[in-house]
Amino acid sequence: MPHAVAVTTAEVTDRNGAVQAIERCKSNLELVESVLVDGGYTGQPFADSVMEQLKATVQVVKRNDCIRLSCCRNAGL
């Protein structure tokens, strides 16, 4: 479930928008230990920003991982 939502103008990248949302909602995210993102959020600068703001790691889920997770869940695993 999302813990923060940000609406930005078109020139703001998803990664920068996410960092802005984290900064703005930081007080409500104190218990977050890991941020699960899709492949659009790869890159050390984003991970560093999350670590700096939340002391949390970033886990990037690739499309193939999502398909496997869905198949496992549907199979009752």
N, C-alpha and C. Protein backbone atom coordinates (compact mmCIF):
# COMPACT_ATOMS: atom_id res chain seq x y z
N MET A 1 0.82 -1.18 0.00
CA MET A 1 0.00 0.00 0.00
C MET A 1 0.87 1.24 0.00
N PRO A 2 0.50 2.24 -0.76
CA PRO A 2 1.27 3.49 -0.77
C PRO A 2 1.19 4.19 0.59
N HIS A 3 2.31 4.75 1.00
CA HIS A 3 2.36 5.52 2.24
C HIS A 3 2.51 7.00 1.98
N ALA A 4 2.80 7.35 0.72
CA ALA A 4 2.94 8.75 0.35
C ALA A 4 2.57 8.90 -1.11
N VAL A 5 1.91 9.98 -1.45
CA VAL A 5 1.52 10.26 -2.83
C VAL A 5 1.96 11.69 -3.15
N ALA A 6 2.54 11.85 -4.34
CA ALA A 6 2.98 13.18 -4.76
C ALA A 6 2.50 13.45 -6.17
N VAL A 7 1.98 14.63 -6.39
CA VAL A 7 1.58 15.08 -7.72
C VAL A 7 2.55 16.19 -8.09
N THR A 8 3.21 16.01 -9.24
CA THR A 8 4.22 16.98 -9.66
C THR A 8 3.93 17.44 -11.09
N THR A 9 4.65 18.44 -11.52
CA THR A 9 4.56 18.88 -12.90
C THR A 9 5.31 17.91 -13.80
N ALA A 10 5.09 18.00 -15.09
CA ALA A 10 5.62 17.02 -16.05
C ALA A 10 7.14 16.95 -16.09
N GLU A 11 7.82 18.04 -15.77
CA GLU A 11 9.28 18.02 -15.89
C GLU A 11 9.97 17.35 -14.70
N VAL A 12 9.22 16.98 -13.67
CA VAL A 12 9.80 16.30 -12.51
C VAL A 12 9.78 14.80 -12.79
N THR A 13 10.94 14.16 -12.71
CA THR A 13 11.02 12.73 -12.96
C THR A 13 10.35 11.96 -11.83
N ASP A 14 9.99 10.71 -12.11
CA ASP A 14 9.37 9.87 -11.07
C ASP A 14 10.29 9.75 -9.86
N ARG A 15 11.59 9.55 -10.13
CA ARG A 15 12.54 9.40 -9.02
C ARG A 15 12.60 10.65 -8.17
N ASN A 16 12.69 11.81 -8.81
CA ASN A 16 12.75 13.07 -8.05
C ASN A 16 11.43 13.32 -7.31
N GLY A 17 10.32 12.96 -7.94
CA GLY A 17 9.02 13.10 -7.28
C GLY A 17 8.91 12.20 -6.06
N ALA A 18 9.46 11.00 -6.18
CA ALA A 18 9.45 10.08 -5.03
C ALA A 18 10.29 10.63 -3.88
N VAL A 19 11.44 11.18 -4.21
CA VAL A 19 12.30 11.76 -3.17
C VAL A 19 11.58 12.93 -2.50
N GLN A 20 10.89 13.76 -3.29
CA GLN A 20 10.13 14.87 -2.72
C GLN A 20 9.03 14.37 -1.80
N ALA A 21 8.33 13.30 -2.22
CA ALA A 21 7.26 12.73 -1.39
C ALA A 21 7.83 12.19 -0.08
N ILE A 22 8.96 11.53 -0.17
CA ILE A 22 9.60 10.99 1.03
C ILE A 22 9.99 12.13 1.98
N GLU A 23 10.57 13.19 1.42
CA GLU A 23 10.96 14.34 2.25
C GLU A 23 9.75 14.95 2.94
N ARG A 24 8.66 15.10 2.18
CA ARG A 24 7.46 15.75 2.72
C ARG A 24 6.75 14.88 3.75
N CYS A 25 6.79 13.56 3.58
CA CYS A 25 6.04 12.65 4.45
C CYS A 25 6.94 11.89 5.42
N LYS A 26 8.16 12.32 5.56
CA LYS A 26 9.17 11.61 6.36
C LYS A 26 8.68 11.27 7.76
N SER A 27 7.98 12.15 8.41
CA SER A 27 7.55 11.91 9.79
C SER A 27 6.56 10.75 9.87
N ASN A 28 5.86 10.45 8.79
CA ASN A 28 4.91 9.33 8.78
C ASN A 28 5.55 8.03 8.30
N LEU A 29 6.82 8.08 7.92
CA LEU A 29 7.49 6.92 7.34
C LEU A 29 8.62 6.40 8.22
N GLU A 30 8.59 6.74 9.49
CA GLU A 30 9.70 6.39 10.39
C GLU A 30 9.92 4.89 10.54
N LEU A 31 8.89 4.09 10.38
CA LEU A 31 9.02 2.64 10.57
C LEU A 31 9.38 1.89 9.28
N VAL A 32 9.45 2.60 8.17
CA VAL A 32 9.77 1.96 6.89
C VAL A 32 11.23 1.50 6.91
N GLU A 33 11.44 0.24 6.60
CA GLU A 33 12.79 -0.32 6.55
C GLU A 33 13.27 -0.57 5.14
N SER A 34 12.32 -0.76 4.21
CA SER A 34 12.68 -1.06 2.83
C SER A 34 11.62 -0.46 1.90
N VAL A 35 12.06 0.10 0.79
CA VAL A 35 11.18 0.69 -0.20
C VAL A 35 11.21 -0.21 -1.43
N LEU A 36 10.07 -0.75 -1.81
CA LEU A 36 9.94 -1.65 -2.95
C LEU A 36 9.51 -0.83 -4.16
N VAL A 37 10.33 -0.84 -5.22
CA VAL A 37 10.08 -0.01 -6.39
C VAL A 37 10.19 -0.83 -7.67
N ASP A 38 9.69 -0.27 -8.78
CA ASP A 38 9.87 -0.94 -10.06
C ASP A 38 11.17 -0.48 -10.71
N GLY A 39 11.46 -1.02 -11.88
CA GLY A 39 12.73 -0.77 -12.56
C GLY A 39 13.02 0.67 -12.90
N GLY A 40 12.01 1.54 -12.89
CA GLY A 40 12.21 2.95 -13.18
C GLY A 40 12.94 3.71 -12.09
N TYR A 41 13.12 3.08 -10.94
CA TYR A 41 13.73 3.75 -9.81
C TYR A 41 15.14 3.24 -9.51
N THR A 42 15.76 2.59 -10.50
CA THR A 42 17.12 2.09 -10.29
C THR A 42 18.10 3.25 -10.23
N GLY A 43 19.24 2.99 -9.69
CA GLY A 43 20.28 4.01 -9.63
C GLY A 43 20.69 4.32 -8.21
N GLN A 44 21.98 4.49 -8.03
CA GLN A 44 22.53 4.75 -6.70
C GLN A 44 22.07 6.08 -6.11
N PRO A 45 21.94 7.15 -6.91
CA PRO A 45 21.49 8.41 -6.31
C PRO A 45 20.11 8.29 -5.63
N PHE A 46 19.19 7.54 -6.25
CA PHE A 46 17.87 7.36 -5.64
C PHE A 46 18.00 6.56 -4.35
N ALA A 47 18.73 5.46 -4.40
CA ALA A 47 18.92 4.63 -3.20
C ALA A 47 19.59 5.43 -2.09
N ASP A 48 20.57 6.26 -2.45
CA ASP A 48 21.24 7.09 -1.46
C ASP A 48 20.28 8.09 -0.82
N SER A 49 19.39 8.67 -1.63
CA SER A 49 18.41 9.62 -1.10
C SER A 49 17.46 8.95 -0.12
N VAL A 50 17.01 7.74 -0.47
CA VAL A 50 16.12 7.00 0.43
C VAL A 50 16.85 6.66 1.72
N MET A 51 18.08 6.21 1.61
CA MET A 51 18.86 5.87 2.80
C MET A 51 19.06 7.11 3.68
N GLU A 52 19.36 8.23 3.06
CA GLU A 52 19.59 9.47 3.81
C GLU A 52 18.32 9.93 4.52
N GLN A 53 17.19 9.87 3.83
CA GLN A 53 15.94 10.37 4.40
C GLN A 53 15.30 9.40 5.40
N LEU A 54 15.30 8.10 5.07
CA LEU A 54 14.55 7.13 5.86
C LEU A 54 15.40 6.10 6.57
N LYS A 55 16.69 6.05 6.24
CA LYS A 55 17.54 4.96 6.73
C LYS A 55 16.97 3.61 6.28
N ALA A 56 16.43 3.57 5.06
CA ALA A 56 15.81 2.37 4.50
C ALA A 56 16.52 1.97 3.22
N THR A 57 16.46 0.69 2.91
CA THR A 57 17.03 0.19 1.67
C THR A 57 16.00 0.29 0.55
N VAL A 58 16.48 0.19 -0.69
CA VAL A 58 15.61 0.17 -1.86
C VAL A 58 15.73 -1.21 -2.50
N GLN A 59 14.59 -1.84 -2.75
CA GLN A 59 14.55 -3.11 -3.46
C GLN A 59 13.84 -2.88 -4.79
N VAL A 60 14.54 -3.18 -5.88
CA VAL A 60 13.97 -3.01 -7.21
C VAL A 60 13.41 -4.34 -7.68
N VAL A 61 12.13 -4.35 -8.01
CA VAL A 61 11.47 -5.55 -8.52
C VAL A 61 11.40 -5.43 -10.03
N LYS A 62 12.01 -6.38 -10.71
CA LYS A 62 11.98 -6.43 -12.17
C LYS A 62 10.66 -7.07 -12.60
N ARG A 63 10.26 -6.81 -13.83
CA ARG A 63 9.00 -7.34 -14.35
C ARG A 63 8.94 -8.86 -14.20
N ASN A 64 10.01 -9.57 -14.51
CA ASN A 64 10.02 -11.03 -14.39
C ASN A 64 9.77 -11.47 -12.95
N ASP A 65 10.30 -10.72 -11.98
CA ASP A 65 10.07 -11.04 -10.57
C ASP A 65 8.59 -10.91 -10.23
N CYS A 66 7.94 -9.89 -10.77
CA CYS A 66 6.51 -9.68 -10.51
C CYS A 66 5.70 -10.84 -11.05
N ILE A 67 6.04 -11.31 -12.23
CA ILE A 67 5.32 -12.43 -12.83
C ILE A 67 5.50 -13.67 -11.98
N ARG A 68 6.73 -13.93 -11.53
CA ARG A 68 7.00 -15.08 -10.68
C ARG A 68 6.24 -14.99 -9.37
N LEU A 69 6.23 -13.80 -8.77
CA LEU A 69 5.51 -13.62 -7.51
C LEU A 69 4.02 -13.90 -7.70
N SER A 70 3.46 -13.40 -8.80
CA SER A 70 2.06 -13.60 -9.09
C SER A 70 1.76 -15.09 -9.29
N CYS A 71 2.60 -15.77 -10.03
CA CYS A 71 2.41 -17.22 -10.27
C CYS A 71 2.49 -17.99 -8.97
N CYS A 72 3.44 -17.67 -8.13
CA CYS A 72 3.59 -18.36 -6.84
C CYS A 72 2.38 -18.12 -5.97
N ARG A 73 1.90 -16.88 -5.95
CA ARG A 73 0.75 -16.54 -5.12
C ARG A 73 -0.49 -17.30 -5.62
N ASN A 74 -0.67 -17.36 -6.94
CA ASN A 74 -1.81 -18.07 -7.51
C ASN A 74 -1.73 -19.57 -7.28
N ALA A 75 -0.52 -20.10 -7.16
CA ALA A 75 -0.34 -21.53 -6.92
C ALA A 75 -0.41 -21.87 -5.44
N GLY A 76 -0.60 -20.88 -4.61
CA GLY A 76 -0.70 -21.10 -3.17
C GLY A 76 0.65 -21.30 -2.48
N LEU A 77 1.73 -20.85 -3.12
CA LEU A 77 3.07 -21.01 -2.53
C LEU A 77 3.41 -19.85 -1.63
